[in-house]
Every structure is written in C-alpha cells, then in structure tokens.
Amino acid sequence: MADSQLMERLLKFANGALLASVLAVVVTVVLAYPLASSLPMPAQIGAHIGTLIIATTLKLSYVTRLVSLYSLGRPVH
C-alpha cells in the first residue's frame, strides 16, 4: 500500500514538474530567439543555457511520469 501511495505522489510531482518545464522552455526559447535583439549578451547567453538545462528537466520529468504510471499499472502513453 505504501508503494502505491509513493508512486501516486511521484506521479503528482512529475506532472507538476512537466508542466513547469514546458512553460519554462517556452519562456527561455522566446527570450533566446525572438527577443534576443532587445536583451544584453549575458541575458542571451543565460537564455540559451537555460533552454538546454530546462529541456533536460522536461525529459527527466516525463520519464519519471512514465515510471510512476507503469508502477501503478496504468496505461503508459
């Protein structure tokens, strides 16, 4: 029973992290490309680095979501 509760909590966390990561990737991409001309160079560099780091976070949260769904016996899409 405790294992399923842990996986439910992990699923909730992964869903939240996935949502936050998607929003953060959108923000960093907008900053790094369409708004790049209005940003100073250090901010542009930070936006590009942020895009890479947050994309990794997005992938990790998706894999965590899949693992928790699989452990709960739910369909994994």
Protein backbone atom coordinates (compact mmCIF):
# COMPACT_ATOMS: atom_id res chain seq x y z
CA MET A 1 0.00 0.00 0.00
CA ALA A 2 2.77 2.42 0.85
CA ASP A 3 4.42 1.79 -2.51
CA SER A 4 1.29 2.85 -4.43
CA GLN A 5 0.98 5.99 -2.29
CA LEU A 6 4.60 6.82 -3.06
CA MET A 7 4.01 6.31 -6.78
CA GLU A 8 0.87 8.49 -6.64
CA ARG A 9 2.90 11.26 -5.02
CA LEU A 10 5.66 10.77 -7.56
CA LEU A 11 3.13 10.98 -10.39
CA LYS A 12 1.71 14.21 -9.00
CA PHE A 13 5.21 15.66 -8.67
CA ALA A 14 6.17 14.54 -12.19
CA ASN A 15 3.03 16.08 -13.69
CA GLY A 16 3.75 19.39 -11.97
CA ALA A 17 7.40 19.32 -13.00
CA LEU A 18 6.39 18.52 -16.56
CA LEU A 19 4.03 21.48 -16.70
CA ALA A 20 6.58 23.84 -15.16
CA SER A 21 9.28 22.60 -17.53
CA VAL A 22 7.15 23.12 -20.62
CA LEU A 23 6.31 26.67 -19.55
CA ALA A 24 9.95 27.41 -18.72
CA VAL A 25 11.16 26.07 -22.09
CA VAL A 26 8.68 28.31 -23.88
CA VAL A 27 9.89 31.34 -21.90
CA THR A 28 13.57 30.64 -22.49
CA VAL A 29 13.07 29.98 -26.21
CA VAL A 30 11.16 33.25 -26.60
CA LEU A 31 13.92 35.08 -24.73
CA ALA A 32 16.71 33.35 -26.67
CA TYR A 33 15.31 33.88 -30.17
CA PRO A 34 12.52 36.43 -30.87
CA LEU A 35 13.54 38.80 -28.06
CA ALA A 36 17.30 38.28 -28.34
CA SER A 37 17.92 41.63 -30.03
CA SER A 38 16.44 43.52 -27.08
CA LEU A 39 18.47 41.63 -24.44
CA PRO A 40 22.07 42.22 -23.39
CA MET A 41 24.55 39.50 -24.32
CA PRO A 42 24.76 37.93 -20.81
CA ALA A 43 20.97 37.56 -20.75
CA GLN A 44 21.01 35.95 -24.19
CA ILE A 45 23.67 33.50 -23.06
CA GLY A 46 21.65 32.73 -19.93
CA ALA A 47 18.53 32.12 -22.02
CA HIS A 48 20.36 29.68 -24.29
CA ILE A 49 21.91 27.82 -21.36
CA GLY A 50 18.55 27.83 -19.59
CA THR A 51 16.90 26.25 -22.63
CA LEU A 52 19.36 23.35 -22.51
CA ILE A 53 19.05 22.80 -18.77
CA ILE A 54 15.27 23.08 -18.70
CA ALA A 55 14.90 20.75 -21.69
CA THR A 56 16.79 18.15 -19.66
CA THR A 57 14.44 18.73 -16.73
CA LEU A 58 11.47 18.26 -19.07
CA LYS A 59 12.83 14.92 -20.26
CA LEU A 60 13.53 13.71 -16.72
CA SER A 61 10.05 14.66 -15.51
CA TYR A 62 8.48 12.84 -18.47
CA VAL A 63 10.47 9.67 -17.76
CA THR A 64 9.54 9.94 -14.06
CA ARG A 65 5.89 10.21 -15.08
CA LEU A 66 6.17 7.11 -17.26
CA VAL A 67 7.86 5.12 -14.49
CA SER A 68 5.19 6.04 -11.95
CA LEU A 69 2.36 5.22 -14.37
CA TYR A 70 3.95 1.86 -15.16
CA SER A 71 4.42 1.09 -11.46
CA LEU A 72 0.77 1.91 -10.80
CA GLY A 73 -0.35 -0.39 -13.61
CA ARG A 74 -1.90 2.45 -15.58
CA PRO A 75 -1.64 2.85 -19.36
CA VAL A 76 1.62 4.47 -20.41
CA HIS A 77 1.33 6.73 -23.44
